């Protein structure tokens, strides 16, 4: 987002909350923005744990949302279009996650390696997910995580042109590699709760990650005074930032791209 647009967004939030939050310098505000096309592997702020899940939506998405909600946690869902069936067949789960204040983001349409693709094919992978999320919940994501964490070739320059922030991780739970929840827990204990907040690599398609690792992480975060947050910054988080505290990336541009998006006519299919 250009400087003037970002400052305008800042002004809107300040105007609506002038009595509750102090005015801030717009130059300082814009410095908080994560840059499109630049790899981000961990939070820019301490005291955070951004629970981030890949490869859905899937049959466990609804249960995972329930677990997060019960624990007072917010999660980020990096979703594909076709990896575990068609995203439209999980419409209720997608709507449930979004309505609960969790962040919905892109993990590409087919979960292919982006580093070996042309810019045109990369854009197709992204725009199909965009349109699906516009159709289902009315938003176009501003964040994505590349399959296999592959950021080679024309990928990053294409993400910059499409205004996407690129997330990887700083803790790999290894659930994709048959690591047990107990083994995954050790990764967090070894990393510790100090320093800037963590963005782990997890997958919502494994029941152990959903039913065992996630409740443990919620308790671990609370025991270590970590705030459970989304990767990007939503309206509630932005207002919190004006009060002197920021979430994972403290991104004033928000979770979603600015614009009025048009739904395509259904019925939808992949």
Protein backbone atom coordinates (compact mmCIF):
# COMPACT_ATOMS: atom_id res chain seq x y z
CA UNK A 1 0.00 0.00 0.00
CA UNK A 2 1.32 3.45 -0.87
CA UNK A 3 2.29 5.91 1.84
CA UNK A 4 -0.73 8.20 1.43
CA UNK A 5 -3.21 5.30 1.48
CA UNK A 6 -1.65 3.83 4.60
CA UNK A 7 -1.68 7.17 6.40
CA UNK A 8 -5.33 7.59 5.35
CA UNK A 9 -6.16 4.23 6.91
CA UNK A 10 -4.37 5.32 10.07
CA UNK A 11 -6.42 8.51 10.13
CA UNK A 12 -9.67 6.56 9.89
CA UNK A 13 -8.82 4.46 12.92
CA UNK A 14 -7.60 7.44 14.87
CA UNK A 15 -10.71 9.45 14.06
CA UNK A 16 -12.99 6.70 15.33
CA UNK A 17 -11.05 6.22 18.54
CA UNK A 18 -9.72 9.65 19.41
CA UNK A 19 -11.10 9.60 22.93
CA UNK A 20 -9.70 6.18 23.76
CA UNK A 21 -6.25 6.23 22.14
CA UNK A 22 -3.47 8.79 21.80
CA UNK A 23 -2.50 10.26 18.43
CA UNK A 24 0.57 8.73 16.82
CA UNK A 25 3.08 9.91 14.24
CA UNK A 26 2.01 8.64 10.78
CA UNK A 27 5.66 8.06 9.86
CA UNK A 28 6.10 5.78 12.85
CA UNK A 29 2.79 4.10 12.01
CA UNK A 30 3.83 3.20 8.46
CA UNK A 31 7.10 1.69 9.69
CA UNK A 32 5.01 -1.09 11.23
CA UNK A 33 3.84 -2.31 7.83
CA UNK A 34 5.11 -5.66 6.60
CA UNK A 35 6.44 -5.33 3.05
CA UNK A 36 4.81 -7.28 0.20
CA UNK A 37 7.07 -9.81 -1.46
CA UNK A 38 9.45 -10.01 1.52
CA UNK A 39 9.73 -13.26 3.49
CA UNK A 40 8.56 -12.97 7.10
CA UNK A 41 9.46 -15.85 9.41
CA UNK A 42 8.53 -14.57 12.86
CA UNK A 43 6.67 -11.81 14.65
CA UNK A 44 8.14 -8.34 14.83
CA UNK A 45 6.94 -8.01 18.40
CA UNK A 46 7.77 -10.01 21.56
CA UNK A 47 5.30 -11.80 23.74
CA UNK A 48 3.28 -13.26 20.86
CA UNK A 49 2.43 -16.69 19.48
CA UNK A 50 0.74 -16.67 16.08
CA UNK A 51 -0.99 -20.02 15.61
CA UNK A 52 -0.82 -20.62 11.84
CA UNK A 53 -2.24 -23.66 10.04
CA UNK A 54 -1.74 -24.85 6.46
CA UNK A 55 -3.45 -27.12 3.90
CA UNK A 56 -7.12 -26.72 4.82
CA UNK A 57 -9.98 -26.24 4.78
CA UNK A 58 -10.59 -29.83 5.78
CA UNK A 59 -12.83 -31.99 7.93
CA UNK A 60 -11.13 -30.82 11.14
CA UNK A 61 -11.44 -27.07 10.47
CA UNK A 62 -14.66 -26.62 12.44
CA UNK A 63 -13.32 -28.53 15.45
CA UNK A 64 -10.10 -26.51 15.35
CA UNK A 65 -12.06 -23.25 15.39
CA UNK A 66 -14.00 -24.51 18.41
CA UNK A 67 -10.76 -25.35 20.25
CA UNK A 68 -9.26 -21.94 19.49
CA UNK A 69 -12.42 -20.12 20.52
CA UNK A 70 -12.71 -22.06 23.77
CA UNK A 71 -9.09 -21.22 24.58
CA UNK A 72 -9.49 -17.53 23.79
CA UNK A 73 -7.05 -17.85 20.88
CA UNK A 74 -7.04 -16.51 17.34
CA UNK A 75 -5.54 -18.47 14.48
CA UNK A 76 -4.43 -17.87 10.90
CA UNK A 77 -5.63 -20.32 8.27
CA UNK A 78 -3.54 -20.63 5.10
CA UNK A 79 -6.00 -22.35 2.77
CA UNK A 80 -5.72 -24.09 -0.59
CA UNK A 81 -8.36 -24.51 -3.24
CA UNK A 82 -8.08 -28.20 -4.04
CA UNK A 83 -5.45 -30.01 -1.93
CA UNK A 84 -7.90 -31.86 0.34
CA UNK A 85 -10.98 -31.51 -1.81
CA UNK A 86 -12.70 -28.41 -3.12
CA UNK A 87 -12.68 -25.36 -0.83
CA UNK A 88 -16.33 -24.71 -1.67
CA UNK A 89 -17.34 -28.03 -0.13
CA UNK A 90 -16.03 -26.70 3.20
CA UNK A 91 -17.96 -23.44 2.92
CA UNK A 92 -19.50 -23.71 6.40
CA UNK A 93 -16.11 -24.22 8.02
CA UNK A 94 -14.63 -21.29 6.08
CA UNK A 95 -17.50 -19.03 7.13
CA UNK A 96 -17.23 -20.21 10.74
CA UNK A 97 -13.53 -19.41 10.97
CA UNK A 98 -13.93 -15.98 9.41
CA UNK A 99 -16.97 -15.08 11.52
CA UNK A 100 -14.98 -16.03 14.64
CA UNK A 101 -12.35 -13.39 13.91
CA UNK A 102 -9.69 -15.80 12.72
CA UNK A 103 -7.52 -14.75 9.80
CA UNK A 104 -8.09 -16.40 6.43
CA UNK A 105 -5.15 -16.39 4.04
CA UNK A 106 -3.82 -18.12 0.93
CA UNK A 107 -1.77 -21.28 0.50
CA UNK A 108 -2.31 -21.30 -3.31
CA UNK A 109 -4.94 -23.15 -5.32
CA UNK A 110 -3.23 -26.50 -6.03
CA UNK A 111 -0.41 -26.55 -3.43
CA UNK A 112 2.28 -26.77 -6.11
CA UNK A 113 5.86 -25.55 -5.91
CA UNK A 114 5.82 -21.87 -6.77
CA UNK A 115 9.54 -21.53 -7.45
CA UNK A 116 9.33 -23.48 -10.70
CA UNK A 117 6.27 -21.65 -12.05
CA UNK A 118 5.97 -18.72 -14.45
CA UNK A 119 4.66 -15.44 -13.09
CA UNK A 120 1.42 -15.97 -15.01
CA UNK A 121 0.83 -19.38 -13.45
CA UNK A 122 1.66 -18.06 -9.98
CA UNK A 123 -0.92 -15.32 -10.43
CA UNK A 124 -3.52 -17.90 -11.47
CA UNK A 125 -2.78 -19.93 -8.34
CA UNK A 126 -3.35 -16.86 -6.21
CA UNK A 127 -6.33 -15.31 -7.97
CA UNK A 128 -8.34 -18.54 -7.77
CA UNK A 129 -7.98 -18.59 -3.98
CA UNK A 130 -8.76 -14.87 -3.86
CA UNK A 131 -12.00 -15.33 -5.76
CA UNK A 132 -13.02 -18.32 -3.66
CA UNK A 133 -12.61 -16.32 -0.45
CA UNK A 134 -14.43 -13.35 -1.95
CA UNK A 135 -17.28 -15.68 -2.91
CA UNK A 136 -17.41 -17.32 0.51
CA UNK A 137 -16.67 -14.52 3.00
CA UNK A 138 -16.25 -11.35 0.93
CA UNK A 139 -12.54 -10.64 1.50
CA UNK A 140 -9.35 -10.87 -0.50
CA UNK A 141 -6.38 -11.93 1.67
CA UNK A 142 -3.21 -9.87 2.01
CA UNK A 143 -1.16 -12.75 3.44
CA UNK A 144 -0.02 -16.09 2.08
CA UNK A 145 2.31 -18.96 2.90
CA UNK A 146 3.92 -20.77 -0.05
CA UNK A 147 3.62 -24.56 -0.28
CA UNK A 148 6.83 -26.30 0.81
CA UNK A 149 8.01 -22.78 1.82
CA UNK A 150 9.32 -22.48 -1.74
CA UNK A 151 10.08 -18.81 -2.47
CA UNK A 152 12.39 -19.25 -5.46
CA UNK A 153 12.17 -18.19 -9.09
CA UNK A 154 9.67 -15.44 -9.88
CA UNK A 155 7.61 -16.04 -6.80
CA UNK A 156 8.62 -13.14 -4.54
CA UNK A 157 8.54 -10.54 -7.30
CA UNK A 158 5.07 -11.77 -8.27
CA UNK A 159 3.88 -11.57 -4.66
CA UNK A 160 5.18 -8.01 -4.47
CA UNK A 161 3.24 -7.06 -7.60
CA UNK A 162 0.09 -8.63 -6.10
CA UNK A 163 0.60 -6.90 -2.72
CA UNK A 164 0.99 -10.13 -0.74
CA UNK A 165 2.95 -10.49 2.50
CA UNK A 166 4.82 -13.83 2.45
CA UNK A 167 4.92 -15.88 5.66
CA UNK A 168 7.20 -18.83 6.37
CA UNK A 169 7.99 -19.96 9.94
CA UNK A 170 10.53 -19.97 12.74
CA UNK A 171 9.35 -23.25 14.35
CA UNK A 172 8.60 -26.33 12.27
CA UNK A 173 6.35 -28.68 14.22
CA UNK A 174 7.18 -31.48 11.80
CA UNK A 175 3.61 -32.78 11.85
CA UNK A 176 3.89 -33.20 8.07
CA UNK A 177 6.83 -35.56 8.66
CA UNK A 178 5.07 -37.89 11.10
CA UNK A 179 6.35 -36.09 14.17
CA UNK A 180 4.10 -36.77 17.15
CA UNK A 181 2.43 -33.95 19.10
CA UNK A 182 4.83 -34.66 21.97
CA UNK A 183 7.80 -34.26 19.63
CA UNK A 184 6.31 -31.06 18.26
CA UNK A 185 5.90 -29.72 21.77
CA UNK A 186 9.62 -30.16 22.31
CA UNK A 187 10.29 -27.77 19.42
CA UNK A 188 8.47 -24.99 21.26
CA UNK A 189 10.10 -25.78 24.57
CA UNK A 190 13.53 -25.67 22.94
CA UNK A 191 12.75 -22.38 21.17
CA UNK A 192 11.44 -20.86 24.39
CA UNK A 193 9.10 -17.94 24.91
CA UNK A 194 11.68 -15.15 24.72
CA UNK A 195 12.61 -12.95 21.80
CA UNK A 196 10.21 -11.95 19.07
CA UNK A 197 7.03 -13.99 18.82
CA UNK A 198 6.84 -17.30 17.00
CA UNK A 199 5.06 -18.20 13.76
CA UNK A 200 5.00 -22.02 13.69
CA UNK A 201 4.48 -24.29 10.70
CA UNK A 202 1.48 -26.50 11.48
CA UNK A 203 -1.16 -28.32 9.44
CA UNK A 204 -4.85 -28.54 10.28
CA UNK A 205 -5.21 -31.81 8.35
CA UNK A 206 -3.65 -33.91 11.14
CA UNK A 207 -5.89 -34.80 14.09
CA UNK A 208 -2.93 -34.80 16.47
CA UNK A 209 -2.18 -31.18 15.62
CA UNK A 210 -5.81 -30.17 16.06
CA UNK A 211 -6.81 -32.20 19.12
CA UNK A 212 -3.54 -32.52 21.07
CA UNK A 213 -0.90 -30.00 19.97
CA UNK A 214 -3.21 -26.98 19.74
CA UNK A 215 -4.70 -27.28 23.26
CA UNK A 216 -1.17 -27.80 24.59
CA UNK A 217 0.03 -24.68 22.77
CA UNK A 218 -2.80 -22.61 24.20
CA UNK A 219 -1.82 -23.70 27.72
CA UNK A 220 1.91 -23.26 27.01
CA UNK A 221 1.30 -19.73 25.78
CA UNK A 222 -0.72 -18.81 28.84
CA UNK A 223 1.89 -20.29 31.17
CA UNK A 224 4.55 -18.17 29.47
CA UNK A 225 2.46 -14.98 29.23
CA UNK A 226 2.32 -15.12 25.46
CA UNK A 227 -0.58 -13.52 23.61
CA UNK A 228 -2.24 -15.83 21.07
CA UNK A 229 -2.71 -13.78 17.92
CA UNK A 230 -3.27 -13.86 14.18
CA UNK A 231 -0.28 -13.30 11.90
CA UNK A 232 -1.73 -10.15 10.37
CA UNK A 233 -3.37 -7.28 12.18
CA UNK A 234 -7.12 -6.82 12.22
CA UNK A 235 -9.19 -3.86 13.41
CA UNK A 236 -9.26 -5.01 17.05
CA UNK A 237 -5.50 -5.57 17.04
CA UNK A 238 -4.90 -2.20 15.40
CA UNK A 239 -6.88 -0.41 18.07
CA UNK A 240 -4.86 -2.28 20.68
CA UNK A 241 -1.70 -1.05 18.96
CA UNK A 242 -2.82 2.56 19.31
CA UNK A 243 -2.96 1.92 23.03
CA UNK A 244 0.76 1.05 23.03
CA UNK A 245 0.71 -2.69 22.30
CA UNK A 246 1.06 -4.48 18.96
CA UNK A 247 0.17 -7.95 17.74
CA UNK A 248 2.42 -10.34 15.80
CA UNK A 249 3.39 -8.04 12.92
CA UNK A 250 1.62 -4.87 14.00
CA UNK A 251 0.72 -4.39 10.35
CA UNK A 252 -1.36 -1.23 9.79
CA UNK A 253 -2.42 -2.47 6.35
CA UNK A 254 -4.47 -5.23 7.98
CA UNK A 255 -5.24 -8.86 7.16
CA UNK A 256 -7.05 -8.18 3.91
CA UNK A 257 -6.55 -6.16 0.76
CA UNK A 258 -8.48 -2.92 0.44
CA UNK A 259 -11.16 -2.81 -2.24
CA UNK A 260 -14.68 -3.71 -3.26
CA UNK A 261 -14.67 -7.27 -4.57
CA UNK A 262 -17.34 -8.85 -6.73
CA UNK A 263 -18.63 -12.35 -6.09
CA UNK A 264 -19.00 -14.62 -9.08
CA UNK A 265 -22.34 -16.28 -9.58
CA UNK A 266 -22.70 -19.77 -8.15
CA UNK A 267 -23.08 -22.66 -7.86
CA UNK A 268 -19.38 -22.84 -7.13
CA UNK A 269 -17.04 -25.70 -7.95
CA UNK A 270 -13.34 -26.37 -8.27
